């Protein structure tokens, strides 16, 4: 089986459960749209968030929004590095197909993490 992966990240303005839910939903739907994917294409998703986000589990937020009911999700806390970008949620989608030109999705300030991969407006 061929595989490929898509990176993504989004920033939220504060540690608020509703903002986290809105952010993960927006990031996930943007990834699917920009890459012409369906959930059946996804093998699993690795999710991290910075330690300053503690009010909502992003995997739970994704499932609560009606997504990834049969997609394995794994969450962990992002490493804490001095000077790191705050209030960030990251996804690594591992796909069950070879996506020749994946579109990586960095939104709402997370473009700073990988300007070379950020969506061109």
Protein backbone atom coordinates (compact mmCIF):
# COMPACT_ATOMS: atom_id res chain seq x y z
CA UNK A 1 0.00 0.00 0.00
CA UNK A 2 1.23 3.48 -0.82
CA UNK A 3 1.02 6.18 1.81
CA UNK A 4 1.44 9.91 2.05
CA UNK A 5 0.92 12.54 4.73
CA UNK A 6 -0.45 16.03 5.12
CA UNK A 7 0.73 18.48 7.75
CA UNK A 8 -1.47 21.17 9.21
CA UNK A 9 -1.69 23.59 12.10
CA UNK A 10 -4.00 26.28 13.37
CA UNK A 11 -3.76 28.84 16.16
CA UNK A 12 -6.57 29.79 18.51
CA UNK A 13 -6.74 33.11 20.32
CA UNK A 14 -7.53 31.64 23.74
CA UNK A 15 -7.99 28.35 25.58
CA UNK A 16 -11.71 28.07 25.01
CA UNK A 17 -13.53 24.78 24.21
CA UNK A 18 -15.71 26.37 21.53
CA UNK A 19 -12.74 28.02 19.81
CA UNK A 20 -10.84 24.72 19.81
CA UNK A 21 -13.84 22.89 18.34
CA UNK A 22 -14.28 25.52 15.63
CA UNK A 23 -10.57 25.46 14.80
CA UNK A 24 -10.24 21.69 14.42
CA UNK A 25 -13.40 21.50 12.34
CA UNK A 26 -12.19 24.29 10.05
CA UNK A 27 -8.71 22.82 9.71
CA UNK A 28 -10.02 19.31 8.98
CA UNK A 29 -12.59 20.40 6.39
CA UNK A 30 -10.02 22.65 4.69
CA UNK A 31 -7.57 19.74 4.44
CA UNK A 32 -10.22 17.50 2.87
CA UNK A 33 -11.34 20.21 0.46
CA UNK A 34 -7.89 21.37 -0.67
CA UNK A 35 -6.73 17.78 -1.23
CA UNK A 36 -9.96 16.32 -2.66
CA UNK A 37 -10.04 13.68 0.10
CA UNK A 38 -12.69 11.76 1.99
CA UNK A 39 -12.33 10.19 5.40
CA UNK A 40 -11.92 6.80 3.71
CA UNK A 41 -8.54 8.02 2.42
CA UNK A 42 -7.21 8.56 5.96
CA UNK A 43 -5.30 5.80 7.76
CA UNK A 44 -4.96 7.77 11.02
CA UNK A 45 -4.37 11.26 12.41
CA UNK A 46 -1.72 12.30 14.90
CA UNK A 47 -2.79 15.41 16.81
CA UNK A 48 -0.78 17.63 19.11
CA UNK A 49 -1.57 20.81 20.92
CA UNK A 50 0.54 23.19 22.92
CA UNK A 51 0.46 22.96 26.71
CA UNK A 52 -1.47 26.21 27.03
CA UNK A 53 -4.56 24.53 25.51
CA UNK A 54 -6.19 22.39 28.18
CA UNK A 55 -9.93 23.06 27.96
CA UNK A 56 -10.75 20.66 25.09
CA UNK A 57 -9.30 17.52 23.59
CA UNK A 58 -9.03 18.19 19.84
CA UNK A 59 -9.78 14.55 18.94
CA UNK A 60 -12.97 14.72 20.98
CA UNK A 61 -13.81 18.01 19.32
CA UNK A 62 -13.34 16.47 15.88
CA UNK A 63 -15.57 13.51 16.73
CA UNK A 64 -18.12 15.82 18.38
CA UNK A 65 -18.33 17.74 15.09
CA UNK A 66 -19.31 14.48 13.37
CA UNK A 67 -15.95 13.62 11.83
CA UNK A 68 -13.58 10.66 12.07
CA UNK A 69 -15.94 8.21 13.72
CA UNK A 70 -13.93 5.32 12.27
CA UNK A 71 -10.55 7.05 11.80
CA UNK A 72 -7.98 6.30 14.52
CA UNK A 73 -6.93 9.49 16.31
CA UNK A 74 -3.98 9.91 18.68
CA UNK A 75 -3.40 13.06 20.74
CA UNK A 76 -0.38 14.25 22.66
CA UNK A 77 1.02 17.47 24.02
CA UNK A 78 3.46 19.36 21.84
CA UNK A 79 7.01 19.62 23.16
CA UNK A 80 7.55 22.80 25.12
CA UNK A 81 10.40 24.74 23.56
CA UNK A 82 11.44 28.24 24.63
CA UNK A 83 10.01 30.81 22.22
CA UNK A 84 7.59 28.39 20.55
CA UNK A 85 4.35 29.59 18.97
CA UNK A 86 1.52 29.47 21.52
CA UNK A 87 -2.02 28.09 21.34
CA UNK A 88 -1.39 25.79 18.38
CA UNK A 89 -3.14 22.60 17.32
CA UNK A 90 -1.33 20.41 14.78
CA UNK A 91 -2.50 17.49 12.64
CA UNK A 92 -0.50 14.92 10.75
CA UNK A 93 -2.90 13.01 8.52
CA UNK A 94 -1.46 9.75 7.25
CA UNK A 95 -3.23 8.68 4.08
CA UNK A 96 -3.82 5.26 2.56
CA UNK A 97 -2.92 6.55 -0.89
CA UNK A 98 -0.10 8.28 -2.65
CA UNK A 99 -0.96 11.93 -2.92
CA UNK A 100 1.48 13.37 -5.43
CA UNK A 101 1.16 17.04 -4.44
CA UNK A 102 -0.37 17.32 -0.98
CA UNK A 103 -1.67 20.72 0.06
CA UNK A 104 -0.57 21.37 3.63
CA UNK A 105 -2.85 23.63 5.66
CA UNK A 106 -1.57 26.30 8.07
CA UNK A 107 -4.19 28.76 9.32
CA UNK A 108 -4.78 31.70 11.65
CA UNK A 109 -1.17 32.53 12.47
CA UNK A 110 0.24 29.01 12.19
CA UNK A 111 1.63 29.96 8.77
CA UNK A 112 4.67 31.19 10.72
CA UNK A 113 5.57 27.58 11.47
CA UNK A 114 6.05 26.61 7.82
CA UNK A 115 5.75 29.56 5.46
CA UNK A 116 7.10 27.30 2.71
CA UNK A 117 4.05 25.03 3.09
CA UNK A 118 1.36 27.61 3.90
CA UNK A 119 -1.59 28.00 1.56
CA UNK A 120 -1.09 30.69 -1.03
CA UNK A 121 -3.96 33.17 -0.97
